[in-house]
Amino acid sequence: MSKLFEEMAQGTAEAHAYMEGERKGYKATLPESVDVRGIRTKLHFSQGRFADAFGLSVDAVRHWESGRRNPEAAARALLIIISHDPKLVMRALAQAHTSEANPSRAAKPLVRRGKAKSTFAV
């Protein structure tokens, strides 16, 4: 078994135990690295489109993919969520962007007939 798989299995077991009430505290275990290129290619996004869709800088994506830098823990967590459910992340970011633009209005769901509306190119 690979180290990444073991870390993910451990994290999943801990989360399950927490959700079942068998554990009082929960700390997510993040892998040391994430296959950014793999996630991006699975989505059929260019580096620029990937960066724009998820609020990242193109330079960061390039550095991560080339191995010059490793994403910080928060970025790795975001990338894992993107890998699992990219549409959820895009909807959440679009909703946050919309409510930020109109702070006096309550955020309304952006999903209509299964498609997310967005004010940025996705």
PDB file of N, CA and C in Angstrom:
ATOM      1  N   MET A   1       0.828  -1.172   0.000  1.00  0.00           N
ATOM      2  CA  MET A   1       0.000   0.000   0.000  1.00  0.00           C
ATOM      3  C   MET A   1       0.884   1.251   0.000  1.00  0.00           C
ATOM      4  N   SER A   2       0.495   2.236  -0.743  1.00  0.00           N
ATOM      5  CA  SER A   2       1.270   3.472  -0.791  1.00  0.00           C
ATOM      6  C   SER A   2       1.044   4.291   0.474  1.00  0.00           C
ATOM      7  N   LYS A   3       2.010   5.152   0.771  1.00  0.00           N
ATOM      8  CA  LYS A   3       1.909   6.008   1.951  1.00  0.00           C
ATOM      9  C   LYS A   3       0.686   6.921   1.848  1.00  0.00           C
ATOM     10  N   LEU A   4       0.438   7.474   0.645  1.00  0.00           N
ATOM     11  CA  LEU A   4      -0.711   8.346   0.440  1.00  0.00           C
ATOM     12  C   LEU A   4      -2.011   7.613   0.761  1.00  0.00           C
ATOM     13  N   PHE A   5      -2.121   6.376   0.260  1.00  0.00           N
ATOM     14  CA  PHE A   5      -3.343   5.604   0.516  1.00  0.00           C
ATOM     15  C   PHE A   5      -3.511   5.343   2.010  1.00  0.00           C
ATOM     16  N   GLU A   6      -2.414   4.987   2.688  1.00  0.00           N
ATOM     17  CA  GLU A   6      -2.485   4.731   4.120  1.00  0.00           C
ATOM     18  C   GLU A   6      -2.929   5.975   4.887  1.00  0.00           C
ATOM     19  N   GLU A   7      -2.398   7.156   4.504  1.00  0.00           N
ATOM     20  CA  GLU A   7      -2.788   8.400   5.159  1.00  0.00           C
ATOM     21  C   GLU A   7      -4.257   8.711   4.921  1.00  0.00           C
ATOM     22  N   MET A   8      -4.714   8.493   3.685  1.00  0.00           N
ATOM     23  CA  MET A   8      -6.117   8.757   3.369  1.00  0.00           C
ATOM     24  C   MET A   8      -7.029   7.780   4.112  1.00  0.00           C
ATOM     25  N   ALA A   9      -6.637   6.511   4.190  1.00  0.00           N
ATOM     26  CA  ALA A   9      -7.429   5.511   4.897  1.00  0.00           C
ATOM     27  C   ALA A   9      -7.515   5.853   6.381  1.00  0.00           C
ATOM     28  N   GLN A  10      -6.403   6.276   6.958  1.00  0.00           N
ATOM     29  CA  GLN A  10      -6.390   6.662   8.363  1.00  0.00           C
ATOM     30  C   GLN A  10      -7.313   7.856   8.594  1.00  0.00           C
ATOM     31  N   GLY A  11      -7.224   8.868   7.738  1.00  0.00           N
ATOM     32  CA  GLY A  11      -8.078  10.047   7.863  1.00  0.00           C
ATOM     33  C   GLY A  11      -9.543   9.701   7.728  1.00  0.00           C
ATOM     34  N   THR A  12      -9.861   8.834   6.789  1.00  0.00           N
ATOM     35  CA  THR A  12     -11.252   8.416   6.585  1.00  0.00           C
ATOM     36  C   THR A  12     -11.775   7.663   7.805  1.00  0.00           C
ATOM     37  N   ALA A  13     -10.956   6.771   8.366  1.00  0.00           N
ATOM     38  CA  ALA A  13     -11.368   6.017   9.553  1.00  0.00           C
ATOM     39  C   ALA A  13     -11.598   6.956  10.734  1.00  0.00           C
ATOM     40  N   GLU A  14     -10.718   7.948  10.897  1.00  0.00           N
ATOM     41  CA  GLU A  14     -10.873   8.900  11.989  1.00  0.00           C
ATOM     42  C   GLU A  14     -12.136   9.744  11.810  1.00  0.00           C
ATOM     43  N   ALA A  15     -12.391  10.185  10.588  1.00  0.00           N
ATOM     44  CA  ALA A  15     -13.587  10.984  10.327  1.00  0.00           C
ATOM     45  C   ALA A  15     -14.844  10.164  10.585  1.00  0.00           C
ATOM     46  N   HIS A  16     -14.834   8.920  10.158  1.00  0.00           N
ATOM     47  CA  HIS A  16     -15.990   8.045  10.374  1.00  0.00           C
ATOM     48  C   HIS A  16     -16.241   7.848  11.874  1.00  0.00           C
ATOM     49  N   ALA A  17     -15.174   7.608  12.618  1.00  0.00           N
ATOM     50  CA  ALA A  17     -15.311   7.417  14.070  1.00  0.00           C
ATOM     51  C   ALA A  17     -15.872   8.673  14.727  1.00  0.00           C
ATOM     52  N   TYR A  18     -15.418   9.820  14.280  1.00  0.00           N
ATOM     53  CA  TYR A  18     -15.909  11.089  14.828  1.00  0.00           C
ATOM     54  C   TYR A  18     -17.387  11.266  14.518  1.00  0.00           C
ATOM     55  N   MET A  19     -17.772  10.992  13.275  1.00  0.00           N
ATOM     56  CA  MET A  19     -19.169  11.177  12.869  1.00  0.00           C
ATOM     57  C   MET A  19     -20.107  10.197  13.579  1.00  0.00           C
ATOM     58  N   GLU A  20     -19.585   9.030  13.938  1.00  0.00           N
ATOM     59  CA  GLU A  20     -20.395   8.041  14.640  1.00  0.00           C
ATOM     60  C   GLU A  20     -20.427   8.294  16.149  1.00  0.00           C
ATOM     61  N   GLY A  21     -19.726   9.338  16.617  1.00  0.00           N
ATOM     62  CA  GLY A  21     -19.711   9.667  18.027  1.00  0.00           C
ATOM     63  C   GLY A  21     -18.735   8.838  18.837  1.00  0.00           C
ATOM     64  N   GLU A  22     -17.883   8.081  18.155  1.00  0.00           N
ATOM     65  CA  GLU A  22     -16.933   7.218  18.847  1.00  0.00           C
ATOM     66  C   GLU A  22     -15.650   7.965  19.220  1.00  0.00           C
ATOM     67  N   ARG A  23     -15.512   9.161  18.744  1.00  0.00           N
ATOM     68  CA  ARG A  23     -14.305   9.930  19.006  1.00  0.00           C
ATOM     69  C   ARG A  23     -14.706  11.368  19.308  1.00  0.00           C
ATOM     70  N   LYS A  24     -14.080  11.973  20.290  1.00  0.00           N
ATOM     71  CA  LYS A  24     -14.464  13.313  20.720  1.00  0.00           C
ATOM     72  C   LYS A  24     -13.820  14.421  19.907  1.00  0.00           C
ATOM     73  N   GLY A  25     -12.655  14.300  19.458  1.00  0.00           N
ATOM     74  CA  GLY A  25     -12.024  15.361  18.679  1.00  0.00           C
ATOM     75  C   GLY A  25     -11.688  14.832  17.307  1.00  0.00           C
ATOM     76  N   TYR A  26     -11.481  15.713  16.384  1.00  0.00           N
ATOM     77  CA  TYR A  26     -11.127  15.249  15.047  1.00  0.00           C
ATOM     78  C   TYR A  26     -10.126  16.201  14.431  1.00  0.00           C
ATOM     79  N   LYS A  27      -9.077  15.647  13.934  1.00  0.00           N
ATOM     80  CA  LYS A  27      -8.080  16.429  13.215  1.00  0.00           C
ATOM     81  C   LYS A  27      -7.849  15.748  11.873  1.00  0.00           C
ATOM     82  N   ALA A  28      -8.076  16.495  10.820  1.00  0.00           N
ATOM     83  CA  ALA A  28      -7.898  15.945   9.479  1.00  0.00           C
ATOM     84  C   ALA A  28      -6.430  15.639   9.235  1.00  0.00           C
ATOM     85  N   THR A  29      -6.167  14.516   8.608  1.00  0.00           N
ATOM     86  CA  THR A  29      -4.819  14.146   8.223  1.00  0.00           C
ATOM     87  C   THR A  29      -4.696  14.404   6.724  1.00  0.00           C
ATOM     88  N   LEU A  30      -3.835  15.346   6.360  1.00  0.00           N
ATOM     89  CA  LEU A  30      -3.656  15.682   4.951  1.00  0.00           C
ATOM     90  C   LEU A  30      -2.426  14.992   4.397  1.00  0.00           C
ATOM     91  N   PRO A  31      -2.485  14.572   3.154  1.00  0.00           N
ATOM     92  CA  PRO A  31      -1.285  14.000   2.546  1.00  0.00           C
ATOM     93  C   PRO A  31      -0.217  15.080   2.379  1.00  0.00           C
ATOM     94  N   GLU A  32       1.026  14.684   2.317  1.00  0.00           N
ATOM     95  CA  GLU A  32       2.132  15.631   2.158  1.00  0.00           C
ATOM     96  C   GLU A  32       2.143  16.275   0.772  1.00  0.00           C
ATOM     97  N   SER A  33       1.599  15.568  -0.214  1.00  0.00           N
ATOM     98  CA  SER A  33       1.571  16.128  -1.567  1.00  0.00           C
ATOM     99  C   SER A  33       0.253  15.766  -2.241  1.00  0.00           C
ATOM    100  N   VAL A  34      -0.074  16.543  -3.263  1.00  0.00           N
ATOM    101  CA  VAL A  34      -1.307  16.336  -4.030  1.00  0.00           C
ATOM    102  C   VAL A  34      -0.934  16.410  -5.512  1.00  0.00           C
ATOM    103  N   ASP A  35      -1.531  15.543  -6.313  1.00  0.00           N
ATOM    104  CA  ASP A  35      -1.258  15.529  -7.756  1.00  0.00           C
ATOM    105  C   ASP A  35      -2.101  16.608  -8.439  1.00  0.00           C
ATOM    106  N   VAL A  36      -1.583  17.831  -8.416  1.00  0.00           N
ATOM    107  CA  VAL A  36      -2.327  18.968  -8.963  1.00  0.00           C
ATOM    108  C   VAL A  36      -2.572  18.779 -10.456  1.00  0.00           C
ATOM    109  N   ARG A  37      -1.548  18.378 -11.184  1.00  0.00           N
ATOM    110  CA  ARG A  37      -1.707  18.162 -12.632  1.00  0.00           C
ATOM    111  C   ARG A  37      -2.770  17.104 -12.904  1.00  0.00           C
ATOM    112  N   GLY A  38      -2.777  16.049 -12.116  1.00  0.00           N
ATOM    113  CA  GLY A  38      -3.773  14.988 -12.296  1.00  0.00           C
ATOM    114  C   GLY A  38      -5.193  15.492 -12.086  1.00  0.00           C
ATOM    115  N   ILE A  39      -5.369  16.295 -11.054  1.00  0.00           N
ATOM    116  CA  ILE A  39      -6.694  16.871 -10.777  1.00  0.00           C
ATOM    117  C   ILE A  39      -7.122  17.774 -11.928  1.00  0.00           C
ATOM    118  N   ARG A  40      -6.200  18.637 -12.339  1.00  0.00           N
ATOM    119  CA  ARG A  40      -6.505  19.602 -13.409  1.00  0.00           C
ATOM    120  C   ARG A  40      -6.798  18.887 -14.725  1.00  0.00           C
ATOM    121  N   THR A  41      -5.985  17.871 -15.041  1.00  0.00           N
ATOM    122  CA  THR A  41      -6.196  17.180 -16.324  1.00  0.00           C
ATOM    123  C   THR A  41      -7.491  16.383 -16.316  1.00  0.00           C
ATOM    124  N   LYS A  42      -7.845  15.839 -15.154  1.00  0.00           N
ATOM    125  CA  LYS A  42      -9.111  15.103 -15.042  1.00  0.00           C
ATOM    126  C   LYS A  42     -10.289  16.022 -15.360  1.00  0.00           C
ATOM    127  N   LEU A  43     -10.141  17.302 -15.035  1.00  0.00           N
ATOM    128  CA  LEU A  43     -11.201  18.281 -15.301  1.00  0.00           C
ATOM    129  C   LEU A  43     -11.129  18.857 -16.715  1.00  0.00           C
ATOM    130  N   HIS A  44     -10.049  18.537 -17.435  1.00  0.00           N
ATOM    131  CA  HIS A  44      -9.822  19.062 -18.797  1.00  0.00           C
ATOM    132  C   HIS A  44      -9.696  20.580 -18.782  1.00  0.00           C
ATOM    133  N   PHE A  45      -9.036  21.124 -17.736  1.00  0.00           N
ATOM    134  CA  PHE A  45      -8.813  22.559 -17.607  1.00  0.00           C
ATOM    135  C   PHE A  45      -7.368  22.889 -17.934  1.00  0.00           C
ATOM    136  N   SER A  46      -7.167  24.037 -18.548  1.00  0.00           N
ATOM    137  CA  SER A  46      -5.808  24.566 -18.695  1.00  0.00           C
ATOM    138  C   SER A  46      -5.372  25.072 -17.322  1.00  0.00           C
ATOM    139  N   GLN A  47      -4.099  25.381 -17.169  1.00  0.00           N
ATOM    140  CA  GLN A  47      -3.632  25.919 -15.893  1.00  0.00           C
ATOM    141  C   GLN A  47      -4.356  27.222 -15.555  1.00  0.00           C
ATOM    142  N   GLY A  48      -4.530  28.082 -16.556  1.00  0.00           N
ATOM    143  CA  GLY A  48      -5.214  29.349 -16.333  1.00  0.00           C
ATOM    144  C   GLY A  48      -6.664  29.176 -15.929  1.00  0.00           C
ATOM    145  N   ARG A  49      -7.355  28.299 -16.616  1.00  0.00           N
ATOM    146  CA  ARG A  49      -8.767  28.073 -16.303  1.00  0.00           C
ATOM    147  C   ARG A  49      -8.919  27.447 -14.920  1.00  0.00           C
ATOM    148  N   PHE A  50      -8.033  26.517 -14.587  1.00  0.00           N
ATOM    149  CA  PHE A  50      -8.056  25.873 -13.272  1.00  0.00           C
ATOM    150  C   PHE A  50      -7.840  26.922 -12.179  1.00  0.00           C
ATOM    151  N   ALA A  51      -6.839  27.763 -12.370  1.00  0.00           N
ATOM    152  CA  ALA A  51      -6.543  28.814 -11.387  1.00  0.00           C
ATOM    153  C   ALA A  51      -7.726  29.756 -11.232  1.00  0.00           C
ATOM    154  N   ASP A  52      -8.291  30.216 -12.336  1.00  0.00           N
ATOM    155  CA  ASP A  52      -9.436  31.134 -12.286  1.00  0.00           C
ATOM    156  C   ASP A  52     -10.658  30.505 -11.619  1.00  0.00           C
ATOM    157  N   ALA A  53     -10.922  29.249 -11.937  1.00  0.00           N
ATOM    158  CA  ALA A  53     -12.118  28.586 -11.418  1.00  0.00           C
ATOM    159  C   ALA A  53     -12.079  28.403  -9.909  1.00  0.00           C
ATOM    160  N   PHE A  54     -10.861  28.244  -9.355  1.00  0.00           N
ATOM    161  CA  PHE A  54     -10.764  27.920  -7.935  1.00  0.00           C
ATOM    162  C   PHE A  54     -10.044  28.979  -7.115  1.00  0.00           C
ATOM    163  N   GLY A  55      -9.885  30.180  -7.670  1.00  0.00           N
ATOM    164  CA  GLY A  55      -9.311  31.286  -6.914  1.00  0.00           C
ATOM    165  C   GLY A  55      -7.836  31.117  -6.596  1.00  0.00           C
ATOM    166  N   LEU A  56      -7.121  30.470  -7.489  1.00  0.00           N
ATOM    167  CA  LEU A  56      -5.693  30.242  -7.305  1.00  0.00           C
ATOM    168  C   LEU A  56      -4.914  31.116  -8.271  1.00  0.00           C
ATOM    169  N   SER A  57      -3.627  31.274  -8.023  1.00  0.00           N
ATOM    170  CA  SER A  57      -2.807  32.002  -8.988  1.00  0.00           C
ATOM    171  C   SER A  57      -2.227  31.011  -9.986  1.00  0.00           C
ATOM    172  N   VAL A  58      -2.106  31.447 -11.224  1.00  0.00           N
ATOM    173  CA  VAL A  58      -1.535  30.589 -12.264  1.00  0.00           C
ATOM    174  C   VAL A  58      -0.102  30.213 -11.891  1.00  0.00           C
ATOM    175  N   ASP A  59       0.642  31.155 -11.338  1.00  0.00           N
ATOM    176  CA  ASP A  59       2.018  30.864 -10.927  1.00  0.00           C
ATOM    177  C   ASP A  59       2.065  29.745  -9.895  1.00  0.00           C
ATOM    178  N   ALA A  60       1.156  29.778  -8.931  1.00  0.00           N
ATOM    179  CA  ALA A  60       1.130  28.723  -7.910  1.00  0.00           C
ATOM    180  C   ALA A  60       0.864  27.370  -8.558  1.00  0.00           C
ATOM    181  N   VAL A  61      -0.109  27.311  -9.458  1.00  0.00           N
ATOM    182  CA  VAL A  61      -0.431  26.055 -10.141  1.00  0.00           C
ATOM    183  C   VAL A  61       0.792  25.561 -10.901  1.00  0.00           C
ATOM    184  N   ARG A  62       1.463  26.443 -11.624  1.00  0.00           N
ATOM    185  CA  ARG A  62       2.669  26.059 -12.381  1.00  0.00           C
ATOM    186  C   ARG A  62       3.761  25.522 -11.457  1.00  0.00           C
ATOM    187  N   HIS A  63       4.001  26.226 -10.354  1.00  0.00           N
ATOM    188  CA  HIS A  63       5.037  25.798  -9.409  1.00  0.00           C
ATOM    189  C   HIS A  63       4.688  24.446  -8.783  1.00  0.00           C
ATOM    190  N   TRP A  64       3.429  24.246  -8.429  1.00  0.00           N
ATOM    191  CA  TRP A  64       3.020  22.977  -7.836  1.00  0.00           C
ATOM    192  C   TRP A  64       3.197  21.839  -8.831  1.00  0.00           C
ATOM    193  N   GLU A  65       2.777  22.078 -10.075  1.00  0.00           N
ATOM    194  CA  GLU A  65       2.858  21.017 -11.070  1.00  0.00           C
ATOM    195  C   GLU A  65       4.301  20.684 -11.449  1.00  0.00           C
ATOM    196  N   SER A  66       5.176  21.675 -11.430  1.00  0.00           N
ATOM    197  CA  SER A  66       6.572  21.434 -11.798  1.00  0.00           C
ATOM    198  C   SER A  66       7.376  20.854 -10.631  1.00  0.00           C
ATOM    199  N   GLY A  67       6.799  20.878  -9.434  1.00  0.00           N
ATOM    200  CA  GLY A  67       7.494  20.364  -8.272  1.00  0.00           C
ATOM    201  C   GLY A  67       8.399  21.381  -7.597  1.00  0.00           C
ATOM    202  N   ARG A  68       8.400  22.618  -8.084  1.00  0.00           N
ATOM    203  CA  ARG A  68       9.227  23.656  -7.452  1.00  0.00           C
ATOM    204  C   ARG A  68       8.708  24.027  -6.074  1.00  0.00           C
ATOM    205  N   ARG A  69       7.404  23.911  -5.895  1.00  0.00           N
ATOM    206  CA  ARG A  69       6.787  24.195  -4.596  1.00  0.00           C
ATOM    207  C   ARG A  69       5.752  23.129  -4.288  1.00  0.00           C
ATOM    208  N   ASN A  70       5.482  22.991  -2.994  1.00  0.00           N
ATOM    209  CA  ASN A  70       4.436  22.082  -2.549  1.00  0.00           C
ATOM    210  C   ASN A  70       3.316  22.938  -1.955  1.00  0.00           C
ATOM    211  N   PRO A  71       2.058  22.663  -2.280  1.00  0.00           N
ATOM    212  CA  PRO A  71       0.969  23.462  -1.711  1.00  0.00           C
ATOM    213  C   PRO A  71       0.983  23.414  -0.183  1.00  0.00           C
ATOM    214  N   GLU A  72       0.688  24.552   0.441  1.00  0.00           N
ATOM    215  CA  GLU A  72       0.547  24.609   1.897  1.00  0.00           C
ATOM    216  C   GLU A  72      -0.658  23.753   2.294  1.00  0.00           C
ATOM    217  N   ALA A  73      -0.804  23.499   3.587  1.00  0.00           N
ATOM    218  CA  ALA A  73      -1.857  22.610   4.084  1.00  0.00           C
ATOM    219  C   ALA A  73      -3.257  23.050   3.634  1.00  0.00           C
ATOM    220  N   ALA A  74      -3.561  24.343   3.729  1.00  0.00           N
ATOM    221  CA  ALA A  74      -4.901  24.820   3.333  1.00  0.00           C
ATOM    222  C   ALA A  74      -5.140  24.595   1.846  1.00  0.00           C
ATOM    223  N   ALA A  75      -4.113  24.826   1.024  1.00  0.00           N
ATOM    224  CA  ALA A  75      -4.246  24.605  -0.414  1.00  0.00           C
ATOM    225  C   ALA A  75      -4.403  23.116  -0.711  1.00  0.00           C
ATOM    226  N   ARG A  76      -3.668  22.260   0.011  1.00  0.00           N
ATOM    227  CA  ARG A  76      -3.819  20.812  -0.190  1.00  0.00           C
ATOM    228  C   ARG A  76      -5.229  20.372   0.162  1.00  0.00           C
ATOM    229  N   ALA A  77      -5.785  20.925   1.249  1.00  0.00           N
ATOM    230  CA  ALA A  77      -7.159  20.578   1.633  1.00  0.00           C
ATOM    231  C   ALA A  77      -8.131  20.997   0.534  1.00  0.00           C
ATOM    232  N   LEU A  78      -7.972  22.222   0.018  1.00  0.00           N
ATOM    233  CA  LEU A  78      -8.834  22.693  -1.068  1.00  0.00           C
ATOM    234  C   LEU A  78      -8.691  21.798  -2.298  1.00  0.00           C
ATOM    235  N   LEU A  79      -7.467  21.448  -2.648  1.00  0.00           N
ATOM    236  CA  LEU A  79      -7.227  20.610  -3.823  1.00  0.00           C
ATOM    237  C   LEU A  79      -7.858  19.231  -3.667  1.00  0.00           C
ATOM    238  N   ILE A  80      -7.829  18.688  -2.463  1.00  0.00           N
ATOM    239  CA  ILE A  80      -8.464  17.391  -2.214  1.00  0.00           C
ATOM    240  C   ILE A  80      -9.974  17.508  -2.406  1.00  0.00           C
ATOM    241  N   ILE A  81     -10.557  18.596  -1.917  1.00  0.00           N
ATOM    242  CA  ILE A  81     -12.001  18.808  -2.085  1.00  0.00           C
ATOM    243  C   ILE A  81     -12.332  19.016  -3.562  1.00  0.00           C
ATOM    244  N   ILE A  82     -11.494  19.772  -4.267  1.00  0.00           N
ATOM    245  CA  ILE A  82     -11.695  19.969  -5.706  1.00  0.00           C
ATOM    246  C   ILE A  82     -11.670  18.626  -6.415  1.00  0.00           C
ATOM    247  N   SER A  83     -10.712  17.790  -6.055  1.00  0.00           N
ATOM    248  CA  SER A  83     -10.597  16.469  -6.674  1.00  0.00           C
ATOM    249  C   SER A  83     -11.849  15.634  -6.433  1.00  0.00           C
ATOM    250  N   HIS A  84     -12.411  15.747  -5.244  1.00  0.00           N
ATOM    251  CA  HIS A  84     -13.588  14.962  -4.881  1.00  0.00           C
ATOM    252  C   HIS A  84     -14.873  15.497  -5.512  1.00  0.00           C
ATOM    253  N   ASP A  85     -15.059  16.829  -5.483  1.00  0.00           N
ATOM    254  CA  ASP A  85     -16.308  17.411  -5.985  1.00  0.00           C
ATOM    255  C   ASP A  85     -16.066  18.827  -6.514  1.00  0.00           C
ATOM    256  N   PRO A  86     -15.488  18.949  -7.715  1.00  0.00           N
ATOM    257  CA  PRO A  86     -15.157  20.272  -8.246  1.00  0.00           C
ATOM    258  C   PRO A  86     -16.368  21.182  -8.423  1.00  0.00           C
ATOM    259  N   LYS A  87     -17.512  20.630  -8.770  1.00  0.00           N
ATOM    260  CA  LYS A  87     -18.708  21.463  -8.970  1.00  0.00           C
ATOM    261  C   LYS A  87     -19.171  22.092  -7.660  1.00  0.00           C
ATOM    262  N   LEU A  88     -19.053  21.348  -6.567  1.00  0.00           N
ATOM    263  CA  LEU A  88     -19.407  21.892  -5.263  1.00  0.00           C
ATOM    264  C   LEU A  88     -18.537  23.106  -4.941  1.00  0.00           C
ATOM    265  N   VAL A  89     -17.239  22.990  -5.181  1.00  0.00           N
ATOM    266  CA  VAL A  89     -16.320  24.091  -4.895  1.00  0.00           C
ATOM    267  C   VAL A  89     -16.639  25.287  -5.785  1.00  0.00           C
ATOM    268  N   MET A  90     -16.890  25.045  -7.066  1.00  0.00           N
ATOM    269  CA  MET A  90     -17.213  26.157  -7.978  1.00  0.00           C
ATOM    270  C   MET A  90     -18.504  26.848  -7.564  1.00  0.00           C
ATOM    271  N   ARG A  91     -19.524  26.069  -7.154  1.00  0.00           N
ATOM    272  CA  ARG A  91     -20.785  26.678  -6.698  1.00  0.00           C
ATOM    273  C   ARG A  91     -20.555  27.502  -5.437  1.00  0.00           C
ATOM    274  N   ALA A  92     -19.798  26.955  -4.499  1.00  0.00           N
ATOM    275  CA  ALA A  92     -19.544  27.670  -3.242  1.00  0.00           C
ATOM    276  C   ALA A  92     -18.781  28.966  -3.499  1.00  0.00           C
ATOM    277  N   LEU A  93     -17.778  28.910  -4.355  1.00  0.00           N
ATOM    278  CA  LEU A  93     -17.006  30.112  -4.660  1.00  0.00           C
ATOM    279  C   LEU A  93     -17.848  31.131  -5.420  1.00  0.00           C
ATOM    280  N   ALA A  94     -18.692  30.666  -6.321  1.00  0.00           N
ATOM    281  CA  ALA A  94     -19.567  31.583  -7.056  1.00  0.00           C
ATOM    282  C   ALA A  94     -20.560  32.240  -6.104  1.00  0.00           C
ATOM    283  N   GLN A  95     -21.088  31.463  -5.165  1.00  0.00           N
ATOM    284  CA  GLN A  95     -22.038  32.010  -4.194  1.00  0.00           C
ATOM    285  C   GLN A  95     -21.342  33.016  -3.286  1.00  0.00           C
ATOM    286  N   ALA A  96     -20.142  32.719  -2.845  1.00  0.00           N
ATOM    287  CA  ALA A  96     -19.393  33.647  -2.002  1.00  0.00           C
ATOM    288  C   ALA A  96     -19.097  34.927  -2.761  1.00  0.00           C
ATOM    289  N   HIS A  97     -18.757  34.801  -4.038  1.00  0.00           N
ATOM    290  CA  HIS A  97     -18.467  35.967  -4.873  1.00  0.00           C
ATOM    291  C   HIS A  97     -19.712  36.825  -5.046  1.00  0.00           C
ATOM    292  N   THR A  98     -20.856  36.188  -5.251  1.00  0.00           N
ATOM    293  CA  THR A  98     -22.107  36.919  -5.438  1.00  0.00           C
ATOM    294  C   THR A  98     -22.519  37.629  -4.158  1.00  0.00           C
ATOM    295  N   SER A  99     -22.422  36.966  -3.008  1.00  0.00           N
ATOM    296  CA  SER A  99     -22.835  37.603  -1.761  1.00  0.00           C
ATOM    297  C   SER A  99     -21.860  38.701  -1.365  1.00  0.00           C
ATOM    298  N   GLU A 100     -20.593  38.580  -1.764  1.00  0.00           N
ATOM    299  CA  GLU A 100     -19.609  39.638  -1.496  1.00  0.00           C
ATOM    300  C   GLU A 100     -19.927  40.877  -2.331  1.00  0.00           C
ATOM    301  N   ALA A 101     -20.390  40.676  -3.549  1.00  0.00           N
ATOM    302  CA  ALA A 101     -20.719  41.796  -4.432  1.00  0.00           C
ATOM    303  C   ALA A 101     -21.985  42.511  -3.967  1.00  0.00           C
ATOM    304  N   ASN A 102     -22.880  41.798  -3.309  1.00  0.00           N
ATOM    305  CA  ASN A 102     -24.139  42.364  -2.824  1.00  0.00           C
ATOM    306  C   ASN A 102     -24.283  42.067  -1.334  1.00  0.00           C
ATOM    307  N   PRO A 103     -23.505  42.711  -0.463  1.00  0.00           N
ATOM    308  CA  PRO A 103     -23.539  42.367   0.960  1.00  0.00           C
ATOM    309  C   PRO A 103     -24.874  42.633   1.634  1.00  0.00           C
ATOM    310  N   SER A 104     -25.687  43.517   1.108  1.00  0.00           N
ATOM    311  CA  SER A 104     -26.968  43.814   1.756  1.00  0.00           C
ATOM    312  C   SER A 104     -28.025  42.756   1.446  1.00  0.00           C
ATOM    313  N   ARG A 105     -27.762  41.927   0.444  1.00  0.00           N
ATOM    314  CA  ARG A 105     -28.726  40.898   0.073  1.00  0.00           C
ATOM    315  C   ARG A 105     -28.286  39.556   0.621  1.00  0.00           C
ATOM    316  N   ALA A 106     -29.237  38.774   1.054  1.00  0.00           N
ATOM    317  CA  ALA A 106     -28.921  37.430   1.528  1.00  0.00           C
ATOM    318  C   ALA A 106     -28.510  36.584   0.334  1.00  0.00           C
ATOM    319  N   ALA A 107     -27.556  35.714   0.546  1.00  0.00           N
ATOM    320  CA  ALA A 107     -27.094  34.839  -0.540  1.00  0.00           C
ATOM    321  C   ALA A 107     -28.212  33.889  -0.935  1.00  0.00           C
ATOM    322  N   LYS A 108     -28.444  33.782  -2.222  1.00  0.00           N
ATOM    323  CA  LYS A 108     -29.463  32.884  -2.725  1.00  0.00           C
ATOM    324  C   LYS A 108     -28.774  31.712  -3.403  1.00  0.00           C
ATOM    325  N   PRO A 109     -29.398  30.546  -3.394  1.00  0.00           N
ATOM    326  CA  PRO A 109     -28.796  29.405  -4.082  1.00  0.00           C
ATOM    327  C   PRO A 109     -28.590  29.736  -5.554  1.00  0.00           C
ATOM    328  N   LEU A 110     -27.458  29.287  -6.101  1.00  0.00           N
ATOM    329  CA  LEU A 110     -27.120  29.602  -7.485  1.00  0.00           C
ATOM    330  C   LEU A 110     -27.388  28.447  -8.436  1.00  0.00           C
ATOM    331  N   VAL A 111     -28.002  27.386  -7.945  1.00  0.00           N
ATOM    332  CA  VAL A 111     -28.191  26.217  -8.782  1.00  0.00           C
ATOM    333  C   VAL A 111     -29.577  26.246  -9.400  1.00  0.00           C
ATOM    334  N   ARG A 112     -29.611  26.103 -10.704  1.00  0.00           N
ATOM    335  CA  ARG A 112     -30.873  26.052 -11.425  1.00  0.00           C
ATOM    336  C   ARG A 112     -30.772  24.902 -12.417  1.00  0.00           C
ATOM    337  N   ARG A 113     -31.678  23.962 -12.310  1.00  0.00           N
ATOM    338  CA  ARG A 113     -31.690  22.794 -13.187  1.00  0.00           C
ATOM    339  C   ARG A 113     -30.330  22.092 -13.208  1.00  0.00           C
ATOM    340  N   GLY A 114     -29.693  21.993 -12.030  1.00  0.00           N
ATOM    341  CA  GLY A 114     -28.453  21.244 -11.915  1.00  0.00           C
ATOM    342  C   GLY A 114     -27.210  21.962 -12.407  1.00  0.00           C
ATOM    343  N   LYS A 115     -27.340  23.208 -12.847  1.00  0.00           N
ATOM    344  CA  LYS A 115     -26.166  23.924 -13.341  1.00  0.00           C
ATOM    345  C   LYS A 115     -25.888  25.110 -12.433  1.00  0.00           C
ATOM    346  N   ALA A 116     -24.608  25.354 -12.187  1.00  0.00           N
ATOM    347  CA  ALA A 116     -24.234  26.480 -11.336  1.00  0.00           C
ATOM    348  C   ALA A 116     -24.052  27.726 -12.177  1.00  0.00           C
ATOM    349  N   LYS A 117     -24.592  28.843 -11.704  1.00  0.00           N
ATOM    350  CA  LYS A 117     -24.349  30.126 -12.350  1.00  0.00           C
ATOM    351  C   LYS A 117     -23.044  30.649 -11.800  1.00  0.00           C
ATOM    352  N   SER A 118     -22.326  31.377 -12.585  1.00  0.00           N
ATOM    353  CA  SER A 118     -21.064  31.907 -12.121  1.00  0.00           C
ATOM    354  C   SER A 118     -20.786  33.238 -12.774  1.00  0.00           C
ATOM    355  N   THR A 119     -20.130  34.117 -12.026  1.00  0.00           N
ATOM    356  CA  THR A 119     -19.778  35.410 -12.598  1.00  0.00           C
ATOM    357  C   THR A 119     -18.368  35.404 -13.146  1.00  0.00           C
ATOM    358  N   PHE A 120     -17.695  34.247 -13.078  1.00  0.00           N
ATOM    359  CA  PHE A 120     -16.364  34.145 -13.642  1.00  0.00           C
ATOM    360  C   PHE A 120     -16.331  32.946 -14.572  1.00  0.00           C
ATOM    361  N   ALA A 121     -15.367  32.939 -15.468  1.00  0.00           N
ATOM    362  CA  ALA A 121     -15.273  31.875 -16.458  1.00  0.00           C
ATOM    363  C   ALA A 121     -14.879  30.570 -15.792  1.00  0.00           C
ATOM    364  N   VAL A 122     -15.645  29.521 -16.072  1.00  0.00           N
ATOM    365  CA  VAL A 122     -15.343  28.208 -15.519  1.00  0.00           C
ATOM    366  C   VAL A 122     -15.163  27.229 -16.645  1.00  0.00           C
TER     367      VAL A 122
END
